Amino acid sequence: MPDRPALIADFASLLLDSHLRLVGTELCPRAWSTESDAAVWLYDEAPFGLLAHDVSDDPRFIYANLTAQKCFGYTWEEFTALPSRLSAADDAQQDRHAFVAAVNRQGYAHGYRGRRIRKDGSLFWIEDVCMWDLVDADGLKHGQAAVFRSWSDGPEAVRPC
């Protein structure tokens, strides 16, 4: 695991707690005993893609677990230098923008399916996406996170993460 601030226990807690608070369900079954263990599990072992971007005017990724890195073909360093809008294919920008806008209005949205672009330029679908605001217990927004539970290279071939 890269030694990055986003991977500390506090960030894992922010991901998990904000999902529970806003979406109303656990992000995943708790398979750890400490928040440090949670950070390692979410990054290394989670069977889903997990991404987060910051609150800047052109949000940049601040987190991408190994599953997301494999799906998109980026390393940690490459992912965390990437504006999140560049993860979507050109023809999917409008749908992505509408989904992000729904999260901005409601605090979360789910049920999204969108075309994404890998580092090598190939296209794929992320499916069963839930996106939520990363809001701490004091109400401070740190960004938004998204989980995608499956992806596919074509409209028919769904492969669970």
C-alpha atoms as a PDB file:
ATOM      1  CA  MET A   1       0.000   0.000   0.000  1.00  0.00           C
ATOM      2  CA  PRO A   2       1.377   3.443  -0.811  1.00  0.00           C
ATOM      3  CA  ASP A   3       2.222   5.575   2.180  1.00  0.00           C
ATOM      4  CA  ARG A   4      -0.345   8.299   1.500  1.00  0.00           C
ATOM      5  CA  PRO A   5      -2.440  10.436   3.884  1.00  0.00           C
ATOM      6  CA  ALA A   6      -5.627   9.204   2.206  1.00  0.00           C
ATOM      7  CA  LEU A   7      -4.922   5.698   3.435  1.00  0.00           C
ATOM      8  CA  ILE A   8      -4.756   6.476   7.118  1.00  0.00           C
ATOM      9  CA  ALA A   9      -7.359   5.163   9.490  1.00  0.00           C
ATOM     10  CA  ASP A  10      -9.165   8.504   9.654  1.00  0.00           C
ATOM     11  CA  PHE A  11      -9.835   8.433   5.915  1.00  0.00           C
ATOM     12  CA  ALA A  12     -11.175   4.882   6.080  1.00  0.00           C
ATOM     13  CA  SER A  13     -13.433   6.014   8.899  1.00  0.00           C
ATOM     14  CA  LEU A  14     -14.610   8.990   6.808  1.00  0.00           C
ATOM     15  CA  LEU A  15     -15.434   6.695   3.867  1.00  0.00           C
ATOM     16  CA  LEU A  16     -17.329   4.198   6.002  1.00  0.00           C
ATOM     17  CA  ASP A  17     -19.075   6.612   8.366  1.00  0.00           C
ATOM     18  CA  SER A  18     -20.199   9.084   5.706  1.00  0.00           C
ATOM     19  CA  HIS A  19     -21.602   6.233   3.592  1.00  0.00           C
ATOM     20  CA  LEU A  20     -23.578   4.929   6.562  1.00  0.00           C
ATOM     21  CA  ARG A  21     -24.798   8.405   7.549  1.00  0.00           C
ATOM     22  CA  LEU A  22     -25.842   9.542   4.048  1.00  0.00           C
ATOM     23  CA  VAL A  23     -26.807   6.332   2.244  1.00  0.00           C
ATOM     24  CA  GLY A  24     -28.209   4.611   5.314  1.00  0.00           C
ATOM     25  CA  THR A  25     -26.391   1.310   4.832  1.00  0.00           C
ATOM     26  CA  GLU A  26     -22.941  -0.079   5.536  1.00  0.00           C
ATOM     27  CA  LEU A  27     -20.550   0.218   2.576  1.00  0.00           C
ATOM     28  CA  CYS A  28     -19.573  -3.392   3.222  1.00  0.00           C
ATOM     29  CA  PRO A  29     -19.598  -5.951   6.007  1.00  0.00           C
ATOM     30  CA  ARG A  30     -17.048  -4.998   8.641  1.00  0.00           C
ATOM     31  CA  ALA A  31     -14.182  -7.460   8.261  1.00  0.00           C
ATOM     32  CA  TRP A  32     -11.659  -5.807  10.585  1.00  0.00           C
ATOM     33  CA  SER A  33     -11.139  -4.893  14.210  1.00  0.00           C
ATOM     34  CA  THR A  34      -9.476  -1.459  13.927  1.00  0.00           C
ATOM     35  CA  GLU A  35      -9.737   1.513  11.587  1.00  0.00           C
ATOM     36  CA  SER A  36      -6.143   0.838  10.495  1.00  0.00           C
ATOM     37  CA  ASP A  37      -7.207  -2.677   9.505  1.00  0.00           C
ATOM     38  CA  ALA A  38     -10.176  -1.142   7.670  1.00  0.00           C
ATOM     39  CA  ALA A  39      -7.851   1.142   5.673  1.00  0.00           C
ATOM     40  CA  VAL A  40      -5.738  -1.828   4.610  1.00  0.00           C
ATOM     41  CA  TRP A  41      -8.789  -3.975   3.760  1.00  0.00           C
ATOM     42  CA  LEU A  42     -10.504  -1.239   1.733  1.00  0.00           C
ATOM     43  CA  TYR A  43      -7.331  -0.561  -0.237  1.00  0.00           C
ATOM     44  CA  ASP A  44      -5.923  -4.071  -0.723  1.00  0.00           C
ATOM     45  CA  GLU A  45      -8.791  -6.537  -0.448  1.00  0.00           C
ATOM     46  CA  ALA A  46     -12.162  -4.927  -1.105  1.00  0.00           C
ATOM     47  CA  PRO A  47     -14.013  -6.796  -3.873  1.00  0.00           C
ATOM     48  CA  PHE A  48     -15.221  -3.512  -5.392  1.00  0.00           C
ATOM     49  CA  GLY A  49     -13.726  -0.397  -6.913  1.00  0.00           C
ATOM     50  CA  LEU A  50     -13.562   2.539  -4.508  1.00  0.00           C
ATOM     51  CA  LEU A  51     -12.634   6.066  -5.586  1.00  0.00           C
ATOM     52  CA  ALA A  52     -12.727   9.524  -4.028  1.00  0.00           C
ATOM     53  CA  HIS A  53     -12.087  13.021  -5.310  1.00  0.00           C
ATOM     54  CA  ASP A  54     -11.543  16.326  -3.523  1.00  0.00           C
ATOM     55  CA  VAL A  55     -13.683  19.494  -3.428  1.00  0.00           C
ATOM     56  CA  SER A  56     -11.588  21.645  -5.788  1.00  0.00           C
ATOM     57  CA  ASP A  57     -13.183  23.424  -8.765  1.00  0.00           C
ATOM     58  CA  ASP A  58     -11.833  20.670 -11.042  1.00  0.00           C
ATOM     59  CA  PRO A  59     -11.879  17.754  -8.573  1.00  0.00           C
ATOM     60  CA  ARG A  60      -8.855  15.460  -8.534  1.00  0.00           C
ATOM     61  CA  PHE A  61      -8.794  11.916  -7.268  1.00  0.00           C
ATOM     62  CA  ILE A  62      -7.472  11.602  -3.743  1.00  0.00           C
ATOM     63  CA  TYR A  63      -8.079   7.861  -3.394  1.00  0.00           C
ATOM     64  CA  ALA A  64      -8.317   4.765  -5.590  1.00  0.00           C
ATOM     65  CA  ASN A  65      -8.164   1.280  -4.144  1.00  0.00           C
ATOM     66  CA  LEU A  66      -6.314  -1.544  -5.926  1.00  0.00           C
ATOM     67  CA  THR A  67      -9.458  -2.820  -7.636  1.00  0.00           C
ATOM     68  CA  ALA A  68     -10.115   0.611  -9.137  1.00  0.00           C
ATOM     69  CA  GLN A  69      -6.455   0.945 -10.142  1.00  0.00           C
ATOM     70  CA  LYS A  70      -6.616  -2.402 -11.962  1.00  0.00           C
ATOM     71  CA  CYS A  71      -9.888  -1.526 -13.702  1.00  0.00           C
ATOM     72  CA  PHE A  72      -8.602   1.842 -14.936  1.00  0.00           C
ATOM     73  CA  GLY A  73      -4.964   0.806 -15.458  1.00  0.00           C
ATOM     74  CA  TYR A  74      -3.453   3.642 -13.421  1.00  0.00           C
ATOM     75  CA  THR A  75      -0.945   3.487 -10.568  1.00  0.00           C
ATOM     76  CA  TRP A  76      -1.673   5.297  -7.299  1.00  0.00           C
ATOM     77  CA  GLU A  77       0.543   8.202  -8.351  1.00  0.00           C
ATOM     78  CA  GLU A  78      -1.144   8.507 -11.755  1.00  0.00           C
ATOM     79  CA  PHE A  79      -4.661   8.231 -10.311  1.00  0.00           C
ATOM     80  CA  THR A  80      -4.123  10.853  -7.642  1.00  0.00           C
ATOM     81  CA  ALA A  81      -2.828  13.322 -10.264  1.00  0.00           C
ATOM     82  CA  LEU A  82      -5.913  12.841 -12.465  1.00  0.00           C
ATOM     83  CA  PRO A  83      -8.920  15.168 -12.543  1.00  0.00           C
ATOM     84  CA  SER A  84     -11.902  12.881 -11.928  1.00  0.00           C
ATOM     85  CA  ARG A  85     -13.730  14.143 -15.041  1.00  0.00           C
ATOM     86  CA  LEU A  86     -11.016  12.518 -17.177  1.00  0.00           C
ATOM     87  CA  SER A  87     -12.027   9.069 -15.939  1.00  0.00           C
ATOM     88  CA  ALA A  88     -15.181   9.225 -18.080  1.00  0.00           C
ATOM     89  CA  ALA A  89     -15.269   8.737 -21.831  1.00  0.00           C
ATOM     90  CA  ASP A  90     -15.989  11.866 -23.874  1.00  0.00           C
ATOM     91  CA  ASP A  91     -19.469  10.635 -24.784  1.00  0.00           C
ATOM     92  CA  ALA A  92     -20.214   9.937 -21.093  1.00  0.00           C
ATOM     93  CA  GLN A  93     -19.386  13.382 -19.693  1.00  0.00           C
ATOM     94  CA  GLN A  94     -22.988  14.600 -19.690  1.00  0.00           C
ATOM     95  CA  ASP A  95     -24.238  11.515 -17.830  1.00  0.00           C
ATOM     96  CA  ARG A  96     -21.338  11.765 -15.347  1.00  0.00           C
ATOM     97  CA  HIS A  97     -22.071  15.432 -14.736  1.00  0.00           C
ATOM     98  CA  ALA A  98     -25.765  14.693 -14.106  1.00  0.00           C
ATOM     99  CA  PHE A  99     -24.852  11.934 -11.632  1.00  0.00           C
ATOM    100  CA  VAL A 100     -22.421  14.192  -9.733  1.00  0.00           C
ATOM    101  CA  ALA A 101     -25.059  16.956  -9.699  1.00  0.00           C
ATOM    102  CA  ALA A 102     -27.575  14.523  -8.159  1.00  0.00           C
ATOM    103  CA  VAL A 103     -25.053  13.727  -5.411  1.00  0.00           C
ATOM    104  CA  ASN A 104     -24.511  17.448  -4.826  1.00  0.00           C
ATOM    105  CA  ARG A 105     -28.277  17.928  -4.375  1.00  0.00           C
ATOM    106  CA  GLN A 106     -29.074  14.841  -2.280  1.00  0.00           C
ATOM    107  CA  GLY A 107     -25.806  13.855  -0.599  1.00  0.00           C
ATOM    108  CA  TYR A 108     -25.727  10.537  -2.481  1.00  0.00           C
ATOM    109  CA  ALA A 109     -27.069   8.773  -5.561  1.00  0.00           C
ATOM    110  CA  HIS A 110     -27.002   5.159  -6.695  1.00  0.00           C
ATOM    111  CA  GLY A 111     -27.923   2.930  -9.598  1.00  0.00           C
ATOM    112  CA  TYR A 112     -25.534   4.596 -12.054  1.00  0.00           C
ATOM    113  CA  ARG A 113     -23.905   2.863 -15.022  1.00  0.00           C
ATOM    114  CA  GLY A 114     -21.367   4.794 -17.063  1.00  0.00           C
ATOM    115  CA  ARG A 115     -18.664   4.440 -19.716  1.00  0.00           C
ATOM    116  CA  ARG A 116     -15.169   4.997 -18.475  1.00  0.00           C
ATOM    117  CA  ILE A 117     -11.789   5.220 -20.146  1.00  0.00           C
ATOM    118  CA  ARG A 118      -8.676   3.324 -19.155  1.00  0.00           C
ATOM    119  CA  LYS A 119      -5.179   4.699 -19.242  1.00  0.00           C
ATOM    120  CA  ASP A 120      -4.594   2.811 -22.510  1.00  0.00           C
ATOM    121  CA  GLY A 121      -7.643   4.480 -24.094  1.00  0.00           C
ATOM    122  CA  SER A 122      -9.905   1.424 -24.078  1.00  0.00           C
ATOM    123  CA  LEU A 123     -13.462   1.901 -22.878  1.00  0.00           C
ATOM    124  CA  PHE A 124     -15.386  -0.055 -20.276  1.00  0.00           C
ATOM    125  CA  TRP A 125     -18.525   0.248 -18.156  1.00  0.00           C
ATOM    126  CA  ILE A 126     -18.719   0.736 -14.421  1.00  0.00           C
ATOM    127  CA  GLU A 127     -21.971  -0.581 -13.029  1.00  0.00           C
ATOM    128  CA  ASP A 128     -23.970  -0.636  -9.819  1.00  0.00           C
ATOM    129  CA  VAL A 129     -22.355   2.658  -8.767  1.00  0.00           C
ATOM    130  CA  CYS A 130     -23.159   4.502  -5.568  1.00  0.00           C
ATOM    131  CA  MET A 131     -21.641   7.934  -5.013  1.00  0.00           C
ATOM    132  CA  TRP A 132     -21.854   9.964  -1.803  1.00  0.00           C
ATOM    133  CA  ASP A 133     -20.468  13.090  -0.213  1.00  0.00           C
ATOM    134  CA  LEU A 134     -17.513  12.629   2.111  1.00  0.00           C
ATOM    135  CA  VAL A 135     -18.839  14.615   5.050  1.00  0.00           C
ATOM    136  CA  ASP A 136     -17.296  14.303   8.477  1.00  0.00           C
ATOM    137  CA  ALA A 137     -19.180  14.292  11.778  1.00  0.00           C
ATOM    138  CA  ASP A 138     -18.818  18.101  11.996  1.00  0.00           C
ATOM    139  CA  GLY A 139     -20.484  18.582   8.606  1.00  0.00           C
ATOM    140  CA  LEU A 140     -17.299  19.491   6.702  1.00  0.00           C
ATOM    141  CA  LYS A 141     -17.318  18.208   3.119  1.00  0.00           C
ATOM    142  CA  HIS A 142     -13.998  16.673   2.024  1.00  0.00           C
ATOM    143  CA  GLY A 143     -15.081  15.471  -1.421  1.00  0.00           C
ATOM    144  CA  GLN A 144     -17.113  12.667  -2.875  1.00  0.00           C
ATOM    145  CA  ALA A 145     -16.559   8.917  -2.997  1.00  0.00           C
ATOM    146  CA  ALA A 146     -17.897   6.298  -5.369  1.00  0.00           C
ATOM    147  CA  VAL A 147     -18.075   2.545  -5.182  1.00  0.00           C
ATOM    148  CA  PHE A 148     -18.654   0.369  -8.240  1.00  0.00           C
ATOM    149  CA  ARG A 149     -19.441  -3.251  -7.641  1.00  0.00           C
ATOM    150  CA  SER A 150     -19.044  -4.548 -11.192  1.00  0.00           C
ATOM    151  CA  TRP A 151     -17.596  -3.576 -14.523  1.00  0.00           C
ATOM    152  CA  SER A 152     -17.664  -4.895 -18.069  1.00  0.00           C
ATOM    153  CA  ASP A 153     -15.888  -4.446 -21.369  1.00  0.00           C
ATOM    154  CA  GLY A 154     -19.132  -4.730 -23.289  1.00  0.00           C
ATOM    155  CA  PRO A 155     -22.868  -4.343 -22.667  1.00  0.00           C
ATOM    156  CA  GLU A 156     -23.380  -8.046 -21.911  1.00  0.00           C
ATOM    157  CA  ALA A 157     -20.263  -9.291 -20.120  1.00  0.00           C
ATOM    158  CA  VAL A 158     -20.582  -8.236 -16.489  1.00  0.00           C
ATOM    159  CA  ARG A 159     -17.683  -9.198 -14.269  1.00  0.00           C
ATOM    160  CA  PRO A 160     -18.089  -8.685 -10.515  1.00  0.00           C
ATOM    161  CA  CYS A 161     -15.247  -6.853  -8.838  1.00  0.00           C
END
